[in-house]
Structure formats: C-alpha cells, structure tokens
Amino acid sequence: MEKSSHPYLSVNEIDKFTHNDIVYKTKVSNLLKVAQTMIFYYALKTVSVASQIALEEAGADYDLHELDFSTTEQQSNDYLNVNPKGRVPALATKHGIITETPAILVYIAQTYPKAKLAPLNDHFQFAKMQAFNNYLSSTVHVNHAHKIRGNRWVEDEDKVSQAAMKAKVPKTMAESFTLIEKEMFSGPWVLGENFSVCDCYVFCISTWLAGDKVNIEDFPKIHNHHKRMRQRESVKKVTGIHGI
C-alpha cells in the first residue's frame, strides 16, 4: 500500500485518444499498467474506514490517495472526474471506478475469494449480507449525517431545521443500533461464525457513536465486537492511519 503517484486516474481517459493517434497504443498501455494497482480514494475519519479495512483483510495490492475535506478537495474538478458524486470512498480498478461502500465491499469480497469476506456460495446469506450493509448505508449513515450535513436536506440559512436534525441524531442512532443488536447481529460476527465485510462496515460506524452521544456499552454485542475488531491487524493499521 503506497500513496498514489497517479492520484486522478480515470478509466475514461482512454476515450480521449483515437486509434489513429500515434501515441494511442503507448497511452493505453500505460493506463492499463497503472490500473493494475487499485487506487483507493479516501478521507480521514470517514466511512472510507470500512472499505480500507476490507482491502487490508483481503491482502489487496492498492495505492492510497487522501482527499482533504478541509479544502473541499472532493469537489475539485480532478476528483469529480473520478467520482462525479464528490463523495468518498472511491476505488479505481482495472475494470473501472466503483463508488458506494456496499458496492466496494462486495467487489473486494468477490475479487479476493480466498480471504472469505463474504458467503459467496450461499445465496441467502449473501443476500443477508447485502441487506445489512444497505441498511447501514441507507439508514444509519444518513442518521449520522444529519449532525453535520444538514444542508443536504434543507437550505443553508434554515438553521432551525438543521438544529432539529442534529438534536435527533442521538435518538435515531440509538434506535438503529438497538435494531442491529437485537435483530440483525447474529454473533460472534455479524453473519454468525464467519467474519465478513459486514464486520468492517459496522465497526466503522460504531466508532461514530461516542461523537453522536450514544454509549456503545448500551449494546453489549456491538461493544464486544468493537473490542475484538480492534485486535485485528487490519484494523490496527487502518485506525492508525485515520487516528481513531
């Protein structure tokens, strides 16, 4: 894992050249060569943590490119060529660019089957994995985002609505983790006996609880899971990078 020397590789660059261009073959060859090593675009202390842990668990060969949210680098033209949504994470692969955490996690699990990060041969369990990860993405992460991203839903000048959304975050996050604890977490890992990308994802989001004024100790299964996750070498490495 290294810092990328090609921070804004876009697989669409290939379309800029014609077959008659004398440098076509050279440029295409260079692009494909670069693309053999994945590039992971991330920002510190974000949901990027989940996918980065999965990459480490898989033993993947990848380069890192950190985006600076303090300068809104995620909205720069260069990064928008990678991910027009202006969000992290994004994973540049030899096939193309993948965005959205559930999709990235599935790609990693399927690309590195020997790591056994998903129940690839059990269609029902695989669907359960997808259901869990999509719940984290569509509901839990959105609950959390109401604290600091209220202007996604209301106008910047509507401070009353933003304050109301922020005030409700402890309640909605606690409700979500109550559901996970009671109904969705099989134990000892999310899907049962086998570790999966679900564990990477829920660990990441559980690191937000304290900041959301939710006591993780109120959820014994999640708390125990969190402590065990921190003992894994992949998690030690990634949390060291992110300072969490």
C-alpha atoms as a PDB file:
ATOM      1  CA  MET A   1       0.000   0.000   0.000  1.00  0.00           C
ATOM      2  CA  GLU A   2       1.538   3.286  -1.122  1.00  0.00           C
ATOM      3  CA  LYS A   3       0.499   6.847  -1.741  1.00  0.00           C
ATOM      4  CA  SER A   4      -0.595   7.016  -5.369  1.00  0.00           C
ATOM      5  CA  SER A   5       1.680   8.694  -7.902  1.00  0.00           C
ATOM      6  CA  HIS A   6      -1.305   8.781 -10.279  1.00  0.00           C
ATOM      7  CA  PRO A   7      -3.866  10.385  -7.965  1.00  0.00           C
ATOM      8  CA  TYR A   8      -6.547  11.078 -10.527  1.00  0.00           C
ATOM      9  CA  LEU A   9      -6.507   8.123 -12.870  1.00  0.00           C
ATOM     10  CA  SER A  10      -9.774   7.987 -14.777  1.00  0.00           C
ATOM     11  CA  VAL A  11     -10.559   4.954 -16.866  1.00  0.00           C
ATOM     12  CA  ASN A  12     -12.484   7.272 -19.166  1.00  0.00           C
ATOM     13  CA  GLU A  13      -9.203   8.858 -20.245  1.00  0.00           C
ATOM     14  CA  ILE A  14      -8.895   6.143 -22.822  1.00  0.00           C
ATOM     15  CA  ASP A  15     -11.750   7.757 -24.746  1.00  0.00           C
ATOM     16  CA  LYS A  16      -9.650  10.847 -25.380  1.00  0.00           C
ATOM     17  CA  PHE A  17      -7.487   9.011 -27.879  1.00  0.00           C
ATOM     18  CA  THR A  18      -8.241   7.718 -31.366  1.00  0.00           C
ATOM     19  CA  HIS A  19      -6.911   4.571 -32.961  1.00  0.00           C
ATOM     20  CA  ASN A  20      -5.083   6.764 -35.484  1.00  0.00           C
ATOM     21  CA  ASP A  21      -3.225   8.628 -32.785  1.00  0.00           C
ATOM     22  CA  ILE A  22       0.439   7.616 -32.952  1.00  0.00           C
ATOM     23  CA  VAL A  23       0.627   7.609 -29.159  1.00  0.00           C
ATOM     24  CA  TYR A  24      -2.622   5.701 -28.731  1.00  0.00           C
ATOM     25  CA  LYS A  25      -1.088   2.327 -28.010  1.00  0.00           C
ATOM     26  CA  THR A  26       1.507   3.778 -25.670  1.00  0.00           C
ATOM     27  CA  LYS A  27      -1.005   5.768 -23.640  1.00  0.00           C
ATOM     28  CA  VAL A  28      -3.472   2.894 -23.438  1.00  0.00           C
ATOM     29  CA  SER A  29      -0.704   0.570 -22.330  1.00  0.00           C
ATOM     30  CA  ASN A  30       0.369   2.995 -19.629  1.00  0.00           C
ATOM     31  CA  LEU A  31      -3.200   3.451 -18.396  1.00  0.00           C
ATOM     32  CA  LEU A  32      -3.769  -0.278 -18.172  1.00  0.00           C
ATOM     33  CA  LYS A  33      -0.454  -0.758 -16.421  1.00  0.00           C
ATOM     34  CA  VAL A  34      -1.324   1.877 -13.840  1.00  0.00           C
ATOM     35  CA  ALA A  35      -4.768   0.383 -13.387  1.00  0.00           C
ATOM     36  CA  GLN A  36      -3.351  -2.985 -12.376  1.00  0.00           C
ATOM     37  CA  THR A  37      -2.806  -1.469  -8.935  1.00  0.00           C
ATOM     38  CA  MET A  38      -6.045  -0.229  -7.462  1.00  0.00           C
ATOM     39  CA  ILE A  39      -6.251   3.301  -6.138  1.00  0.00           C
ATOM     40  CA  PHE A  40      -8.347   3.907  -3.045  1.00  0.00           C
ATOM     41  CA  TYR A  41      -9.614   7.457  -2.646  1.00  0.00           C
ATOM     42  CA  TYR A  42     -10.487   8.270   0.943  1.00  0.00           C
ATOM     43  CA  ALA A  43     -10.765  10.960   3.579  1.00  0.00           C
ATOM     44  CA  LEU A  44      -9.721  10.627   7.186  1.00  0.00           C
ATOM     45  CA  LYS A  45     -12.252   9.500   9.800  1.00  0.00           C
ATOM     46  CA  THR A  46     -14.993   8.863   7.261  1.00  0.00           C
ATOM     47  CA  VAL A  47     -16.859   5.779   6.088  1.00  0.00           C
ATOM     48  CA  SER A  48     -13.761   5.089   3.987  1.00  0.00           C
ATOM     49  CA  VAL A  49     -12.500   3.174   7.025  1.00  0.00           C
ATOM     50  CA  ALA A  50     -14.812   0.235   6.277  1.00  0.00           C
ATOM     51  CA  SER A  51     -13.545  -0.399   2.758  1.00  0.00           C
ATOM     52  CA  GLN A  52      -9.926   0.180   3.737  1.00  0.00           C
ATOM     53  CA  ILE A  53     -10.178  -2.476   6.444  1.00  0.00           C
ATOM     54  CA  ALA A  54     -11.662  -4.852   3.882  1.00  0.00           C
ATOM     55  CA  LEU A  55      -8.796  -4.151   1.479  1.00  0.00           C
ATOM     56  CA  GLU A  56      -6.327  -4.995   4.240  1.00  0.00           C
ATOM     57  CA  GLU A  57      -8.231  -8.134   5.222  1.00  0.00           C
ATOM     58  CA  ALA A  58      -8.138  -9.232   1.577  1.00  0.00           C
ATOM     59  CA  GLY A  59      -4.409  -8.636   1.258  1.00  0.00           C
ATOM     60  CA  ALA A  60      -5.109  -6.419  -1.733  1.00  0.00           C
ATOM     61  CA  ASP A  61      -2.430  -4.506  -3.609  1.00  0.00           C
ATOM     62  CA  TYR A  62      -3.590  -0.905  -3.684  1.00  0.00           C
ATOM     63  CA  ASP A  63      -2.384   2.671  -3.509  1.00  0.00           C
ATOM     64  CA  LEU A  64      -3.876   5.373  -1.319  1.00  0.00           C
ATOM     65  CA  HIS A  65      -4.973   8.850  -2.301  1.00  0.00           C
ATOM     66  CA  GLU A  66      -6.155  11.015   0.568  1.00  0.00           C
ATOM     67  CA  LEU A  67      -8.648  13.794  -0.090  1.00  0.00           C
ATOM     68  CA  ASP A  68      -8.580  16.916   2.049  1.00  0.00           C
ATOM     69  CA  PHE A  69     -12.126  17.744   3.086  1.00  0.00           C
ATOM     70  CA  SER A  70     -10.935  20.957   4.759  1.00  0.00           C
ATOM     71  CA  THR A  71     -10.212  22.375   1.300  1.00  0.00           C
ATOM     72  CA  THR A  72     -13.262  20.660  -0.264  1.00  0.00           C
ATOM     73  CA  GLU A  73     -10.932  18.677  -2.499  1.00  0.00           C
ATOM     74  CA  GLN A  74     -13.772  16.199  -3.003  1.00  0.00           C
ATOM     75  CA  GLN A  75     -15.481  18.880  -5.097  1.00  0.00           C
ATOM     76  CA  SER A  76     -12.432  19.626  -7.251  1.00  0.00           C
ATOM     77  CA  ASN A  77     -12.657  19.037 -10.992  1.00  0.00           C
ATOM     78  CA  ASP A  78      -9.924  16.423 -10.768  1.00  0.00           C
ATOM     79  CA  TYR A  79     -11.770  14.329  -8.215  1.00  0.00           C
ATOM     80  CA  LEU A  80     -15.143  14.839  -9.866  1.00  0.00           C
ATOM     81  CA  ASN A  81     -13.622  13.135 -12.912  1.00  0.00           C
ATOM     82  CA  VAL A  82     -13.105  10.124 -10.654  1.00  0.00           C
ATOM     83  CA  ASN A  83     -16.394  10.310  -8.750  1.00  0.00           C
ATOM     84  CA  PRO A  84     -18.945  12.837 -10.045  1.00  0.00           C
ATOM     85  CA  LYS A  85     -20.845  12.470  -6.751  1.00  0.00           C
ATOM     86  CA  GLY A  86     -17.998  14.226  -4.938  1.00  0.00           C
ATOM     87  CA  ARG A  87     -18.071  11.663  -2.133  1.00  0.00           C
ATOM     88  CA  VAL A  88     -15.689   9.119  -0.660  1.00  0.00           C
ATOM     89  CA  PRO A  89     -14.684   6.415  -0.893  1.00  0.00           C
ATOM     90  CA  ALA A  90     -13.971   5.512  -4.495  1.00  0.00           C
ATOM     91  CA  LEU A  91     -11.961   2.584  -5.759  1.00  0.00           C
ATOM     92  CA  ALA A  92     -10.228   2.729  -9.145  1.00  0.00           C
ATOM     93  CA  THR A  93      -9.760  -0.765 -10.537  1.00  0.00           C
ATOM     94  CA  LYS A  94      -8.576  -2.196 -13.830  1.00  0.00           C
ATOM     95  CA  HIS A  95     -12.249  -2.592 -14.747  1.00  0.00           C
ATOM     96  CA  GLY A  96     -13.369   0.919 -13.844  1.00  0.00           C
ATOM     97  CA  ILE A  97     -14.221   3.055 -10.846  1.00  0.00           C
ATOM     98  CA  ILE A  98     -16.519   1.835  -8.086  1.00  0.00           C
ATOM     99  CA  THR A  99     -18.296   4.079  -5.610  1.00  0.00           C
ATOM    100  CA  GLU A 100     -20.648   3.452  -2.674  1.00  0.00           C
ATOM    101  CA  THR A 101     -19.418   1.440   0.298  1.00  0.00           C
ATOM    102  CA  PRO A 102     -21.695  -1.613  -0.129  1.00  0.00           C
ATOM    103  CA  ALA A 103     -20.582  -1.972  -3.759  1.00  0.00           C
ATOM    104  CA  ILE A 104     -16.905  -1.569  -2.935  1.00  0.00           C
ATOM    105  CA  LEU A 105     -17.157  -4.147  -0.156  1.00  0.00           C
ATOM    106  CA  VAL A 106     -18.796  -6.689  -2.478  1.00  0.00           C
ATOM    107  CA  TYR A 107     -16.185  -6.068  -5.155  1.00  0.00           C
ATOM    108  CA  ILE A 108     -13.376  -6.691  -2.691  1.00  0.00           C
ATOM    109  CA  ALA A 109     -15.003  -9.862  -1.367  1.00  0.00           C
ATOM    110  CA  GLN A 110     -15.609 -11.266  -4.847  1.00  0.00           C
ATOM    111  CA  THR A 111     -12.210 -10.260  -6.201  1.00  0.00           C
ATOM    112  CA  TYR A 112     -10.369 -11.922  -3.308  1.00  0.00           C
ATOM    113  CA  PRO A 113     -12.441 -15.041  -2.586  1.00  0.00           C
ATOM    114  CA  LYS A 114      -9.618 -16.726  -0.666  1.00  0.00           C
ATOM    115  CA  ALA A 115      -9.995 -14.059   2.038  1.00  0.00           C
ATOM    116  CA  LYS A 116     -13.517 -15.391   2.715  1.00  0.00           C
ATOM    117  CA  LEU A 117     -15.010 -11.963   3.323  1.00  0.00           C
ATOM    118  CA  ALA A 118     -18.483 -12.925   2.094  1.00  0.00           C
ATOM    119  CA  PRO A 119     -20.659 -16.054   1.889  1.00  0.00           C
ATOM    120  CA  LEU A 120     -20.143 -16.265  -1.867  1.00  0.00           C
ATOM    121  CA  ASN A 121     -21.611 -19.760  -2.206  1.00  0.00           C
ATOM    122  CA  ASP A 122     -24.670 -19.208  -0.038  1.00  0.00           C
ATOM    123  CA  HIS A 123     -27.200 -17.083  -1.886  1.00  0.00           C
ATOM    124  CA  PHE A 124     -29.401 -16.485   1.144  1.00  0.00           C
ATOM    125  CA  GLN A 125     -26.538 -15.458   3.421  1.00  0.00           C
ATOM    126  CA  PHE A 126     -25.129 -13.282   0.668  1.00  0.00           C
ATOM    127  CA  ALA A 127     -28.495 -11.525   0.435  1.00  0.00           C
ATOM    128  CA  LYS A 128     -28.494 -11.088   4.225  1.00  0.00           C
ATOM    129  CA  MET A 129     -25.063  -9.514   3.957  1.00  0.00           C
ATOM    130  CA  GLN A 130     -26.338  -7.116   1.328  1.00  0.00           C
ATOM    131  CA  ALA A 131     -29.390  -6.273   3.420  1.00  0.00           C
ATOM    132  CA  PHE A 132     -27.226  -5.472   6.430  1.00  0.00           C
ATOM    133  CA  ASN A 133     -24.761  -3.323   4.515  1.00  0.00           C
ATOM    134  CA  ASN A 134     -27.502  -1.463   2.702  1.00  0.00           C
ATOM    135  CA  TYR A 135     -29.223  -0.717   5.999  1.00  0.00           C
ATOM    136  CA  LEU A 136     -26.001   0.824   7.277  1.00  0.00           C
ATOM    137  CA  SER A 137     -25.676   2.853   4.095  1.00  0.00           C
ATOM    138  CA  SER A 138     -29.256   3.988   3.586  1.00  0.00           C
ATOM    139  CA  THR A 139     -30.368   4.491   7.180  1.00  0.00           C
ATOM    140  CA  VAL A 140     -27.633   4.510   9.824  1.00  0.00           C
ATOM    141  CA  HIS A 141     -25.150   6.619   7.893  1.00  0.00           C
ATOM    142  CA  VAL A 142     -27.926   9.044   6.973  1.00  0.00           C
ATOM    143  CA  ASN A 143     -28.920   9.332  10.636  1.00  0.00           C
ATOM    144  CA  HIS A 144     -25.345  10.256  11.491  1.00  0.00           C
ATOM    145  CA  ALA A 145     -25.068  12.700   8.583  1.00  0.00           C
ATOM    146  CA  HIS A 146     -27.939  14.783   9.963  1.00  0.00           C
ATOM    147  CA  LYS A 147     -25.499  16.022  12.605  1.00  0.00           C
ATOM    148  CA  ILE A 148     -23.019  17.682  10.245  1.00  0.00           C
ATOM    149  CA  ARG A 149     -24.576  17.534   6.773  1.00  0.00           C
ATOM    150  CA  GLY A 150     -27.991  19.036   7.438  1.00  0.00           C
ATOM    151  CA  ASN A 151     -27.626  21.342   4.451  1.00  0.00           C
ATOM    152  CA  ARG A 152     -28.061  18.317   2.218  1.00  0.00           C
ATOM    153  CA  TRP A 153     -31.737  18.302   3.156  1.00  0.00           C
ATOM    154  CA  VAL A 154     -32.553  21.939   3.901  1.00  0.00           C
ATOM    155  CA  GLU A 155     -31.200  25.297   2.810  1.00  0.00           C
ATOM    156  CA  ASP A 156     -28.053  26.677   4.454  1.00  0.00           C
ATOM    157  CA  GLU A 157     -29.975  29.556   6.027  1.00  0.00           C
ATOM    158  CA  ASP A 158     -32.524  27.236   7.641  1.00  0.00           C
ATOM    159  CA  LYS A 159     -30.642  26.885  10.912  1.00  0.00           C
ATOM    160  CA  VAL A 160     -33.741  25.850  12.862  1.00  0.00           C
ATOM    161  CA  SER A 161     -34.289  22.741  10.764  1.00  0.00           C
ATOM    162  CA  GLN A 162     -30.607  21.884  10.821  1.00  0.00           C
ATOM    163  CA  ALA A 163     -30.541  22.212  14.608  1.00  0.00           C
ATOM    164  CA  ALA A 164     -33.601  19.963  14.896  1.00  0.00           C
ATOM    165  CA  MET A 165     -31.981  17.287  12.750  1.00  0.00           C
ATOM    166  CA  LYS A 166     -28.777  17.470  14.761  1.00  0.00           C
ATOM    167  CA  ALA A 167     -30.669  17.217  18.039  1.00  0.00           C
ATOM    168  CA  LYS A 168     -32.343  13.999  16.949  1.00  0.00           C
ATOM    169  CA  VAL A 169     -29.132  12.177  15.991  1.00  0.00           C
ATOM    170  CA  PRO A 170     -28.575  10.512  19.398  1.00  0.00           C
ATOM    171  CA  LYS A 171     -32.115   9.105  19.277  1.00  0.00           C
ATOM    172  CA  THR A 172     -32.006   7.818  15.707  1.00  0.00           C
ATOM    173  CA  MET A 173     -28.523   6.326  16.075  1.00  0.00           C
ATOM    174  CA  ALA A 174     -29.502   4.592  19.314  1.00  0.00           C
ATOM    175  CA  GLU A 175     -32.643   3.230  17.671  1.00  0.00           C
ATOM    176  CA  SER A 176     -30.659   1.900  14.747  1.00  0.00           C
ATOM    177  CA  PHE A 177     -28.109   0.159  16.939  1.00  0.00           C
ATOM    178  CA  THR A 178     -30.871  -1.273  19.111  1.00  0.00           C
ATOM    179  CA  LEU A 179     -32.299  -2.898  15.995  1.00  0.00           C
ATOM    180  CA  ILE A 180     -28.871  -4.151  14.922  1.00  0.00           C
ATOM    181  CA  GLU A 181     -28.147  -5.518  18.396  1.00  0.00           C
ATOM    182  CA  LYS A 182     -31.482  -7.305  18.794  1.00  0.00           C
ATOM    183  CA  GLU A 183     -32.404  -8.394  15.271  1.00  0.00           C
ATOM    184  CA  MET A 184     -29.508  -8.193  12.825  1.00  0.00           C
ATOM    185  CA  PHE A 185     -26.332  -9.200  14.648  1.00  0.00           C
ATOM    186  CA  SER A 186     -26.018 -12.994  14.803  1.00  0.00           C
ATOM    187  CA  GLY A 187     -22.756 -13.252  16.750  1.00  0.00           C
ATOM    188  CA  PRO A 188     -19.926 -13.600  17.273  1.00  0.00           C
ATOM    189  CA  TRP A 189     -19.685 -11.800  13.912  1.00  0.00           C
ATOM    190  CA  VAL A 190     -22.490 -10.022  12.115  1.00  0.00           C
ATOM    191  CA  LEU A 191     -23.448 -13.021   9.970  1.00  0.00           C
ATOM    192  CA  GLY A 192     -22.617 -15.666  12.564  1.00  0.00           C
ATOM    193  CA  GLU A 193     -19.484 -17.742  12.903  1.00  0.00           C
ATOM    194  CA  ASN A 194     -17.703 -16.294   9.881  1.00  0.00           C
ATOM    195  CA  PHE A 195     -16.114 -12.862   9.607  1.00  0.00           C
ATOM    196  CA  SER A 196     -17.307 -10.787   6.642  1.00  0.00           C
ATOM    197  CA  VAL A 197     -17.231  -7.310   5.149  1.00  0.00           C
ATOM    198  CA  CYS A 198     -20.269  -6.554   7.325  1.00  0.00           C
ATOM    199  CA  ASP A 199     -17.932  -6.543  10.303  1.00  0.00           C
ATOM    200  CA  CYS A 200     -15.677  -3.974   8.657  1.00  0.00           C
ATOM    201  CA  TYR A 201     -18.664  -1.741   7.988  1.00  0.00           C
ATOM    202  CA  VAL A 202     -20.421  -1.895  11.345  1.00  0.00           C
ATOM    203  CA  PHE A 203     -17.117  -1.395  13.165  1.00  0.00           C
ATOM    204  CA  CYS A 204     -16.528   1.785  11.190  1.00  0.00           C
ATOM    205  CA  ILE A 205     -19.928   3.205  12.056  1.00  0.00           C
ATOM    206  CA  SER A 206     -19.651   2.139  15.685  1.00  0.00           C
ATOM    207  CA  THR A 207     -16.645   4.462  16.005  1.00  0.00           C
ATOM    208  CA  TRP A 208     -19.069   7.358  15.432  1.00  0.00           C
ATOM    209  CA  LEU A 209     -21.333   6.538  18.362  1.00  0.00           C
ATOM    210  CA  ALA A 210     -19.465   8.468  21.037  1.00  0.00           C
ATOM    211  CA  GLY A 211     -19.493  11.591  18.887  1.00  0.00           C
ATOM    212  CA  ASP A 212     -23.207  11.081  18.342  1.00  0.00           C
ATOM    213  CA  LYS A 213     -23.737  10.971  22.121  1.00  0.00           C
ATOM    214  CA  VAL A 214     -24.590   7.286  22.149  1.00  0.00           C
ATOM    215  CA  ASN A 215     -22.963   4.949  24.675  1.00  0.00           C
ATOM    216  CA  ILE A 216     -21.680   1.856  22.885  1.00  0.00           C
ATOM    217  CA  GLU A 217     -21.809  -0.046  26.189  1.00  0.00           C
ATOM    218  CA  ASP A 218     -25.596   0.043  25.890  1.00  0.00           C
ATOM    219  CA  PHE A 219     -25.171  -2.536  23.134  1.00  0.00           C
ATOM    220  CA  PRO A 220     -23.186  -5.458  24.598  1.00  0.00           C
ATOM    221  CA  LYS A 221     -22.858  -7.409  21.331  1.00  0.00           C
ATOM    222  CA  ILE A 222     -21.674  -4.378  19.390  1.00  0.00           C
ATOM    223  CA  HIS A 223     -19.357  -3.302  22.200  1.00  0.00           C
ATOM    224  CA  ASN A 224     -17.756  -6.735  22.375  1.00  0.00           C
ATOM    225  CA  HIS A 225     -17.487  -6.829  18.591  1.00  0.00           C
ATOM    226  CA  HIS A 226     -15.848  -3.395  18.568  1.00  0.00           C
ATOM    227  CA  LYS A 227     -13.210  -4.508  21.064  1.00  0.00           C
ATOM    228  CA  ARG A 228     -12.460  -7.701  19.135  1.00  0.00           C
ATOM    229  CA  MET A 229     -12.200  -5.799  15.874  1.00  0.00           C
ATOM    230  CA  ARG A 230      -9.571  -3.519  17.367  1.00  0.00           C
ATOM    231  CA  GLN A 231      -7.412  -6.578  17.998  1.00  0.00           C
ATOM    232  CA  ARG A 232      -7.208  -7.430  14.281  1.00  0.00           C
ATOM    233  CA  GLU A 233      -4.055  -6.352  12.469  1.00  0.00           C
ATOM    234  CA  SER A 234      -6.035  -4.840   9.595  1.00  0.00           C
ATOM    235  CA  VAL A 235      -7.969  -2.646  11.994  1.00  0.00           C
ATOM    236  CA  LYS A 236      -4.880  -1.598  13.916  1.00  0.00           C
ATOM    237  CA  LYS A 237      -3.265  -0.480  10.664  1.00  0.00           C
ATOM    238  CA  VAL A 238      -6.265   1.432   9.321  1.00  0.00           C
ATOM    239  CA  THR A 239      -7.256   3.067  12.605  1.00  0.00           C
ATOM    240  CA  GLY A 240      -3.635   4.160  12.976  1.00  0.00           C
ATOM    241  CA  ILE A 241      -3.830   5.935   9.625  1.00  0.00           C
ATOM    242  CA  HIS A 242      -7.147   7.587  10.497  1.00  0.00           C
ATOM    243  CA  GLY A 243      -6.320   8.372  14.109  1.00  0.00           C
ATOM    244  CA  ILE A 244      -9.413   6.743  15.545  1.00  0.00           C
END
